[in-house]
Amino acid sequence: MRLYKIKHRYTDKVLYSAGGNSFAEVLTKAVREGANLTCAYLKGADLTYANLTGANLTGANLTYANLKDANLKDANLYRADLYRADLTYADLEGANLKDANLKDAILERAYLTDANLEGANLEGANLTGANLKDAYLTGANLTGANLKDAYLTGANLTYAYLTGANLTYANLKGARDTNKTSVDSVIPQEIKTKTLEEARFAFLDLDVVKIDKSEKPLPRPLDIDLDETD
């Protein structure tokens, strides 16, 4: 068993420490005990299958973190940095990701129903097959994002940026904005999407939307910067 310390990303102050068999186990324990993990330094952490339901991770550094199949339902990730984090199949239902940095993050098949992604940076993110039903994406940056087969029913995309995004076979049924502008006037006819007739958007930047996009996996760093003590 090792002693793991979770530190503040800016001050190096220890926010939580405990013994455990893995960093994911200790972080799960911290969340269960209601620890305040605001601005926690979690860069490169292996949090596969971790149960972080309702976690307070405001402003946390989760760059390059492995969050595959993690449970982040109702978690607070306001302004968290998730650059190149792997959230494949992660449960983010109802999570607060307002102004979060998800640039180049992997969100393939992630569950983002009712998630707040207002102002989030999703540039280059892989959202293939992601469930974004009723998600709040107002002002989100989806430039170059891969939304192939994504489920966006009821999503709010007002003022979202989708330049270069791949919307191939995305389900946009009932996607909406406050002005009820028809998608037919802003999305090129050649884009292959499901149920476009009911989609609604306002002031979307959809120039040069792509039909196909490479889905090669992103390189991952070999160095994992975590504080571990035997």
C-alpha atoms as a PDB file:
ATOM      1  CA  MET A   1       0.000   0.000   0.000  1.00  0.00           C
ATOM      2  CA  ARG A   2       1.256   3.456  -0.902  1.00  0.00           C
ATOM      3  CA  LEU A   3       0.612   6.903   0.437  1.00  0.00           C
ATOM      4  CA  TYR A   4      -0.884   9.136  -2.236  1.00  0.00           C
ATOM      5  CA  LYS A   5      -1.046  12.907  -1.953  1.00  0.00           C
ATOM      6  CA  ILE A   6      -3.399  15.116  -3.937  1.00  0.00           C
ATOM      7  CA  LYS A   7      -1.930  18.589  -4.170  1.00  0.00           C
ATOM      8  CA  HIS A   8      -3.143  22.016  -5.236  1.00  0.00           C
ATOM      9  CA  ARG A   9      -1.999  22.730  -8.793  1.00  0.00           C
ATOM     10  CA  TYR A  10      -0.749  26.224  -7.961  1.00  0.00           C
ATOM     11  CA  THR A  11       0.253  26.268  -4.276  1.00  0.00           C
ATOM     12  CA  ASP A  12       1.433  22.654  -3.866  1.00  0.00           C
ATOM     13  CA  LYS A  13      -0.690  22.451  -0.717  1.00  0.00           C
ATOM     14  CA  VAL A  14      -1.836  18.922   0.121  1.00  0.00           C
ATOM     15  CA  LEU A  15      -5.601  18.776  -0.372  1.00  0.00           C
ATOM     16  CA  TYR A  16      -5.975  15.138   0.603  1.00  0.00           C
ATOM     17  CA  SER A  17      -3.726  12.185   1.395  1.00  0.00           C
ATOM     18  CA  ALA A  18      -4.405   8.545   2.179  1.00  0.00           C
ATOM     19  CA  GLY A  19      -2.998   5.090   1.673  1.00  0.00           C
ATOM     20  CA  GLY A  20      -4.308   2.875  -1.076  1.00  0.00           C
ATOM     21  CA  ASN A  21      -3.537   0.393  -3.803  1.00  0.00           C
ATOM     22  CA  SER A  22      -3.989   2.936  -6.589  1.00  0.00           C
ATOM     23  CA  PHE A  23      -4.381   6.642  -7.148  1.00  0.00           C
ATOM     24  CA  ALA A  24      -7.913   6.036  -8.452  1.00  0.00           C
ATOM     25  CA  GLU A  25      -8.830   4.266  -5.197  1.00  0.00           C
ATOM     26  CA  VAL A  26      -7.572   7.165  -3.085  1.00  0.00           C
ATOM     27  CA  LEU A  27      -9.272   9.806  -5.230  1.00  0.00           C
ATOM     28  CA  THR A  28     -12.535   7.873  -5.070  1.00  0.00           C
ATOM     29  CA  LYS A  29     -12.205   7.800  -1.288  1.00  0.00           C
ATOM     30  CA  ALA A  30     -11.555  11.553  -1.212  1.00  0.00           C
ATOM     31  CA  VAL A  31     -14.703  12.207  -3.226  1.00  0.00           C
ATOM     32  CA  ARG A  32     -16.752   9.861  -1.049  1.00  0.00           C
ATOM     33  CA  GLU A  33     -15.592  11.780   2.032  1.00  0.00           C
ATOM     34  CA  GLY A  34     -16.559  15.093   0.443  1.00  0.00           C
ATOM     35  CA  ALA A  35     -13.029  16.445   0.056  1.00  0.00           C
ATOM     36  CA  ASN A  36     -12.683  19.803  -1.664  1.00  0.00           C
ATOM     37  CA  LEU A  37     -10.504  19.059  -4.692  1.00  0.00           C
ATOM     38  CA  THR A  38     -10.653  22.529  -6.222  1.00  0.00           C
ATOM     39  CA  CYS A  39      -7.564  23.079  -8.422  1.00  0.00           C
ATOM     40  CA  ALA A  40      -6.292  19.564  -7.697  1.00  0.00           C
ATOM     41  CA  TYR A  41      -3.196  18.488  -9.643  1.00  0.00           C
ATOM     42  CA  LEU A  42      -4.177  15.253 -11.393  1.00  0.00           C
ATOM     43  CA  LYS A  43      -2.109  15.436 -14.549  1.00  0.00           C
ATOM     44  CA  GLY A  44      -1.674  12.039 -16.196  1.00  0.00           C
ATOM     45  CA  ALA A  45      -3.556  10.206 -13.443  1.00  0.00           C
ATOM     46  CA  ASP A  46      -4.919   6.746 -14.209  1.00  0.00           C
ATOM     47  CA  LEU A  47      -8.554   7.059 -13.123  1.00  0.00           C
ATOM     48  CA  THR A  48     -10.009   4.248 -15.198  1.00  0.00           C
ATOM     49  CA  TYR A  49     -13.390   3.149 -13.798  1.00  0.00           C
ATOM     50  CA  ALA A  50     -13.068   5.610 -10.897  1.00  0.00           C
ATOM     51  CA  ASN A  51     -16.330   6.592  -9.199  1.00  0.00           C
ATOM     52  CA  LEU A  52     -16.162  10.387  -8.988  1.00  0.00           C
ATOM     53  CA  THR A  53     -19.886  11.062  -8.799  1.00  0.00           C
ATOM     54  CA  GLY A  54     -20.523  14.605  -7.591  1.00  0.00           C
ATOM     55  CA  ALA A  55     -16.816  15.381  -7.233  1.00  0.00           C
ATOM     56  CA  ASN A  56     -15.748  19.003  -6.822  1.00  0.00           C
ATOM     57  CA  LEU A  57     -12.937  19.276  -9.364  1.00  0.00           C
ATOM     58  CA  THR A  58     -13.311  22.971 -10.141  1.00  0.00           C
ATOM     59  CA  GLY A  59     -10.206  24.207 -11.926  1.00  0.00           C
ATOM     60  CA  ALA A  60      -8.451  20.839 -11.593  1.00  0.00           C
ATOM     61  CA  ASN A  61      -5.536  19.907 -13.832  1.00  0.00           C
ATOM     62  CA  LEU A  62      -6.596  16.671 -15.536  1.00  0.00           C
ATOM     63  CA  THR A  63      -4.465  17.025 -18.641  1.00  0.00           C
ATOM     64  CA  TYR A  64      -3.579  13.655 -20.177  1.00  0.00           C
ATOM     65  CA  ALA A  65      -5.597  11.876 -17.460  1.00  0.00           C
ATOM     66  CA  ASN A  66      -7.034   8.440 -18.219  1.00  0.00           C
ATOM     67  CA  LEU A  67     -10.725   8.621 -17.337  1.00  0.00           C
ATOM     68  CA  LYS A  68     -11.976   5.741 -19.444  1.00  0.00           C
ATOM     69  CA  ASP A  69     -15.286   4.436 -18.106  1.00  0.00           C
ATOM     70  CA  ALA A  70     -15.048   6.816 -15.139  1.00  0.00           C
ATOM     71  CA  ASN A  71     -18.241   7.906 -13.383  1.00  0.00           C
ATOM     72  CA  LEU A  72     -18.307  11.723 -13.287  1.00  0.00           C
ATOM     73  CA  LYS A  73     -22.047  12.105 -13.031  1.00  0.00           C
ATOM     74  CA  ASP A  74     -22.975  15.529 -11.581  1.00  0.00           C
ATOM     75  CA  ALA A  75     -19.289  16.354 -11.065  1.00  0.00           C
ATOM     76  CA  ASN A  76     -18.213  19.999 -10.965  1.00  0.00           C
ATOM     77  CA  LEU A  77     -15.471  20.462 -13.568  1.00  0.00           C
ATOM     78  CA  TYR A  78     -15.912  24.196 -14.014  1.00  0.00           C
ATOM     79  CA  ARG A  79     -12.790  25.590 -15.716  1.00  0.00           C
ATOM     80  CA  ALA A  80     -11.024  22.246 -15.334  1.00  0.00           C
ATOM     81  CA  ASP A  81      -8.176  21.520 -17.741  1.00  0.00           C
ATOM     82  CA  LEU A  82      -8.824  18.225 -19.543  1.00  0.00           C
ATOM     83  CA  TYR A  83      -6.465  18.767 -22.469  1.00  0.00           C
ATOM     84  CA  ARG A  84      -5.961  15.418 -24.228  1.00  0.00           C
ATOM     85  CA  ALA A  85      -7.692  13.546 -21.425  1.00  0.00           C
ATOM     86  CA  ASP A  86      -9.193  10.177 -22.363  1.00  0.00           C
ATOM     87  CA  LEU A  87     -12.880  10.088 -21.406  1.00  0.00           C
ATOM     88  CA  THR A  88     -13.922   7.188 -23.596  1.00  0.00           C
ATOM     89  CA  TYR A  89     -17.232   5.776 -22.331  1.00  0.00           C
ATOM     90  CA  ALA A  90     -17.103   8.111 -19.306  1.00  0.00           C
ATOM     91  CA  ASP A  91     -20.405   9.018 -17.629  1.00  0.00           C
ATOM     92  CA  LEU A  92     -20.671  12.824 -17.460  1.00  0.00           C
ATOM     93  CA  GLU A  93     -24.432  13.086 -17.128  1.00  0.00           C
ATOM     94  CA  GLY A  94     -25.335  16.436 -15.582  1.00  0.00           C
ATOM     95  CA  ALA A  95     -21.686  17.386 -15.105  1.00  0.00           C
ATOM     96  CA  ASN A  96     -20.668  21.036 -15.003  1.00  0.00           C
ATOM     97  CA  LEU A  97     -18.006  21.558 -17.675  1.00  0.00           C
ATOM     98  CA  LYS A  98     -18.583  25.261 -18.142  1.00  0.00           C
ATOM     99  CA  ASP A  99     -15.461  26.965 -19.559  1.00  0.00           C
ATOM    100  CA  ALA A 100     -13.534  23.691 -19.259  1.00  0.00           C
ATOM    101  CA  ASN A 101     -10.630  22.992 -21.590  1.00  0.00           C
ATOM    102  CA  LEU A 102     -11.296  19.780 -23.536  1.00  0.00           C
ATOM    103  CA  LYS A 103      -9.047  20.537 -26.484  1.00  0.00           C
ATOM    104  CA  ASP A 104      -8.039  17.311 -28.262  1.00  0.00           C
ATOM    105  CA  ALA A 105      -9.774  15.259 -25.563  1.00  0.00           C
ATOM    106  CA  ILE A 106     -11.131  11.804 -26.383  1.00  0.00           C
ATOM    107  CA  LEU A 107     -14.845  11.626 -25.573  1.00  0.00           C
ATOM    108  CA  GLU A 108     -15.729   8.723 -27.804  1.00  0.00           C
ATOM    109  CA  ARG A 109     -19.074   7.183 -26.728  1.00  0.00           C
ATOM    110  CA  ALA A 110     -19.061   9.405 -23.646  1.00  0.00           C
ATOM    111  CA  TYR A 111     -22.396  10.047 -21.920  1.00  0.00           C
ATOM    112  CA  LEU A 112     -22.956  13.812 -21.681  1.00  0.00           C
ATOM    113  CA  THR A 113     -26.726  14.028 -21.313  1.00  0.00           C
ATOM    114  CA  ASP A 114     -27.755  17.308 -19.621  1.00  0.00           C
ATOM    115  CA  ALA A 115     -24.096  18.311 -19.228  1.00  0.00           C
ATOM    116  CA  ASN A 116     -23.248  22.016 -19.060  1.00  0.00           C
ATOM    117  CA  LEU A 117     -20.589  22.735 -21.692  1.00  0.00           C
ATOM    118  CA  GLU A 118     -21.210  26.457 -22.000  1.00  0.00           C
ATOM    119  CA  GLY A 119     -18.087  28.151 -23.300  1.00  0.00           C
ATOM    120  CA  ALA A 120     -16.106  24.912 -23.179  1.00  0.00           C
ATOM    121  CA  ASN A 121     -13.156  24.485 -25.529  1.00  0.00           C
ATOM    122  CA  LEU A 122     -13.704  21.254 -27.479  1.00  0.00           C
ATOM    123  CA  GLU A 123     -11.428  22.116 -30.384  1.00  0.00           C
ATOM    124  CA  GLY A 124     -10.238  18.932 -32.073  1.00  0.00           C
ATOM    125  CA  ALA A 125     -12.051  16.738 -29.545  1.00  0.00           C
ATOM    126  CA  ASN A 126     -13.152  13.248 -30.553  1.00  0.00           C
ATOM    127  CA  LEU A 127     -16.876  12.990 -29.767  1.00  0.00           C
ATOM    128  CA  THR A 128     -17.600  10.056 -32.045  1.00  0.00           C
ATOM    129  CA  GLY A 129     -20.857   8.455 -30.949  1.00  0.00           C
ATOM    130  CA  ALA A 130     -21.075  10.651 -27.855  1.00  0.00           C
ATOM    131  CA  ASN A 131     -24.492  11.160 -26.264  1.00  0.00           C
ATOM    132  CA  LEU A 132     -25.074  14.925 -25.935  1.00  0.00           C
ATOM    133  CA  LYS A 133     -28.828  14.775 -25.488  1.00  0.00           C
ATOM    134  CA  ASP A 134     -30.094  18.062 -23.991  1.00  0.00           C
ATOM    135  CA  ALA A 135     -26.504  19.205 -23.423  1.00  0.00           C
ATOM    136  CA  TYR A 136     -25.910  22.944 -23.033  1.00  0.00           C
ATOM    137  CA  LEU A 137     -23.261  23.928 -25.601  1.00  0.00           C
ATOM    138  CA  THR A 138     -23.893  27.666 -25.852  1.00  0.00           C
ATOM    139  CA  GLY A 139     -20.728  29.409 -27.031  1.00  0.00           C
ATOM    140  CA  ALA A 140     -18.768  26.154 -27.054  1.00  0.00           C
ATOM    141  CA  ASN A 141     -15.767  25.880 -29.385  1.00  0.00           C
ATOM    142  CA  LEU A 142     -16.179  22.710 -31.473  1.00  0.00           C
ATOM    143  CA  THR A 143     -13.758  23.749 -34.203  1.00  0.00           C
ATOM    144  CA  GLY A 144     -12.407  20.640 -35.908  1.00  0.00           C
ATOM    145  CA  ALA A 145     -14.250  18.342 -33.497  1.00  0.00           C
ATOM    146  CA  ASN A 146     -15.288  14.877 -34.619  1.00  0.00           C
ATOM    147  CA  LEU A 147     -19.031  14.531 -33.979  1.00  0.00           C
ATOM    148  CA  LYS A 148     -19.554  11.567 -36.257  1.00  0.00           C
ATOM    149  CA  ASP A 149     -22.602   9.553 -35.105  1.00  0.00           C
ATOM    150  CA  ALA A 150     -23.005  11.877 -32.113  1.00  0.00           C
ATOM    151  CA  TYR A 151     -26.453  12.158 -30.531  1.00  0.00           C
ATOM    152  CA  LEU A 152     -27.372  15.843 -30.164  1.00  0.00           C
ATOM    153  CA  THR A 153     -31.137  15.637 -29.719  1.00  0.00           C
ATOM    154  CA  GLY A 154     -32.331  18.677 -27.798  1.00  0.00           C
ATOM    155  CA  ALA A 155     -28.825  20.115 -27.439  1.00  0.00           C
ATOM    156  CA  ASN A 156     -28.484  23.896 -27.230  1.00  0.00           C
ATOM    157  CA  LEU A 157     -25.805  25.053 -29.693  1.00  0.00           C
ATOM    158  CA  THR A 158     -26.493  28.793 -29.691  1.00  0.00           C
ATOM    159  CA  TYR A 159     -23.367  30.706 -30.749  1.00  0.00           C
ATOM    160  CA  ALA A 160     -21.348  27.476 -30.907  1.00  0.00           C
ATOM    161  CA  TYR A 161     -18.363  27.312 -33.276  1.00  0.00           C
ATOM    162  CA  LEU A 162     -18.313  24.264 -35.567  1.00  0.00           C
ATOM    163  CA  THR A 163     -15.822  25.274 -38.245  1.00  0.00           C
ATOM    164  CA  GLY A 164     -14.229  22.139 -39.706  1.00  0.00           C
ATOM    165  CA  ALA A 165     -16.300  19.843 -37.484  1.00  0.00           C
ATOM    166  CA  ASN A 166     -17.254  16.374 -38.712  1.00  0.00           C
ATOM    167  CA  LEU A 167     -21.039  15.985 -38.396  1.00  0.00           C
ATOM    168  CA  THR A 168     -21.339  12.852 -40.499  1.00  0.00           C
ATOM    169  CA  TYR A 169     -24.505  10.983 -39.483  1.00  0.00           C
ATOM    170  CA  ALA A 170     -24.869  13.071 -36.319  1.00  0.00           C
ATOM    171  CA  ASN A 171     -28.405  13.058 -34.916  1.00  0.00           C
ATOM    172  CA  LEU A 172     -29.490  16.704 -34.599  1.00  0.00           C
ATOM    173  CA  LYS A 173     -33.185  16.111 -34.082  1.00  0.00           C
ATOM    174  CA  GLY A 174     -34.644  18.835 -31.907  1.00  0.00           C
ATOM    175  CA  ALA A 175     -31.298  20.553 -31.365  1.00  0.00           C
ATOM    176  CA  ARG A 176     -32.203  24.096 -30.539  1.00  0.00           C
ATOM    177  CA  ASP A 177     -31.372  27.719 -29.881  1.00  0.00           C
ATOM    178  CA  THR A 178     -33.303  30.648 -28.496  1.00  0.00           C
ATOM    179  CA  ASN A 179     -34.000  32.153 -31.937  1.00  0.00           C
ATOM    180  CA  LYS A 180     -35.300  28.936 -33.539  1.00  0.00           C
ATOM    181  CA  THR A 181     -33.258  29.462 -36.707  1.00  0.00           C
ATOM    182  CA  SER A 182     -33.638  26.591 -39.163  1.00  0.00           C
ATOM    183  CA  VAL A 183     -30.556  24.448 -39.639  1.00  0.00           C
ATOM    184  CA  ASP A 184     -31.300  24.246 -43.362  1.00  0.00           C
ATOM    185  CA  SER A 185     -30.102  27.826 -43.778  1.00  0.00           C
ATOM    186  CA  VAL A 186     -26.706  27.269 -42.154  1.00  0.00           C
ATOM    187  CA  ILE A 187     -25.652  23.644 -42.764  1.00  0.00           C
ATOM    188  CA  PRO A 188     -24.522  22.725 -46.295  1.00  0.00           C
ATOM    189  CA  GLN A 189     -26.806  20.302 -48.111  1.00  0.00           C
ATOM    190  CA  GLU A 190     -24.012  17.756 -48.603  1.00  0.00           C
ATOM    191  CA  ILE A 191     -23.645  17.109 -44.882  1.00  0.00           C
ATOM    192  CA  LYS A 192     -25.049  13.681 -44.031  1.00  0.00           C
ATOM    193  CA  THR A 193     -26.939  14.001 -40.752  1.00  0.00           C
ATOM    194  CA  LYS A 194     -29.968  12.327 -39.261  1.00  0.00           C
ATOM    195  CA  THR A 195     -33.284  14.174 -38.941  1.00  0.00           C
ATOM    196  CA  LEU A 196     -31.937  17.556 -40.001  1.00  0.00           C
ATOM    197  CA  GLU A 197     -35.443  18.801 -40.623  1.00  0.00           C
ATOM    198  CA  GLU A 198     -36.061  19.400 -36.918  1.00  0.00           C
ATOM    199  CA  ALA A 199     -32.667  20.852 -35.992  1.00  0.00           C
ATOM    200  CA  ARG A 200     -32.453  24.466 -34.832  1.00  0.00           C
ATOM    201  CA  PHE A 201     -29.386  26.721 -34.560  1.00  0.00           C
ATOM    202  CA  ALA A 202     -28.469  30.406 -34.326  1.00  0.00           C
ATOM    203  CA  PHE A 203     -25.312  32.154 -35.529  1.00  0.00           C
ATOM    204  CA  LEU A 204     -23.313  28.946 -35.886  1.00  0.00           C
ATOM    205  CA  ASP A 205     -19.911  29.168 -37.534  1.00  0.00           C
ATOM    206  CA  LEU A 206     -20.179  26.188 -39.883  1.00  0.00           C
ATOM    207  CA  ASP A 207     -17.727  27.121 -42.636  1.00  0.00           C
ATOM    208  CA  VAL A 208     -15.916  24.201 -44.232  1.00  0.00           C
ATOM    209  CA  VAL A 209     -17.701  21.486 -42.250  1.00  0.00           C
ATOM    210  CA  LYS A 210     -16.032  18.181 -43.047  1.00  0.00           C
ATOM    211  CA  ILE A 211     -17.680  14.937 -44.093  1.00  0.00           C
ATOM    212  CA  ASP A 212     -14.686  12.766 -43.228  1.00  0.00           C
ATOM    213  CA  LYS A 213     -11.940  13.219 -40.641  1.00  0.00           C
ATOM    214  CA  SER A 214      -9.013  11.074 -39.560  1.00  0.00           C
ATOM    215  CA  GLU A 215      -9.677   9.257 -36.303  1.00  0.00           C
ATOM    216  CA  LYS A 216      -6.102   8.202 -35.538  1.00  0.00           C
ATOM    217  CA  PRO A 217      -5.486   7.928 -31.775  1.00  0.00           C
ATOM    218  CA  LEU A 218      -3.675  10.825 -30.162  1.00  0.00           C
ATOM    219  CA  PRO A 219      -0.164  10.221 -28.824  1.00  0.00           C
ATOM    220  CA  ARG A 220       0.035   9.910 -25.059  1.00  0.00           C
ATOM    221  CA  PRO A 221       2.985  10.961 -22.920  1.00  0.00           C
ATOM    222  CA  LEU A 222       5.079   8.324 -21.207  1.00  0.00           C
ATOM    223  CA  ASP A 223       5.787  10.386 -18.112  1.00  0.00           C
ATOM    224  CA  ILE A 224       3.077  10.397 -15.443  1.00  0.00           C
ATOM    225  CA  ASP A 225       3.618  13.257 -13.063  1.00  0.00           C
ATOM    226  CA  LEU A 226       2.055  12.138  -9.760  1.00  0.00           C
ATOM    227  CA  ASP A 227       3.192  12.394  -6.180  1.00  0.00           C
ATOM    228  CA  GLU A 228       3.618   8.843  -4.872  1.00  0.00           C
ATOM    229  CA  THR A 229       5.409   7.782  -1.699  1.00  0.00           C
ATOM    230  CA  ASP A 230       6.161   4.174  -0.822  1.00  0.00           C
END
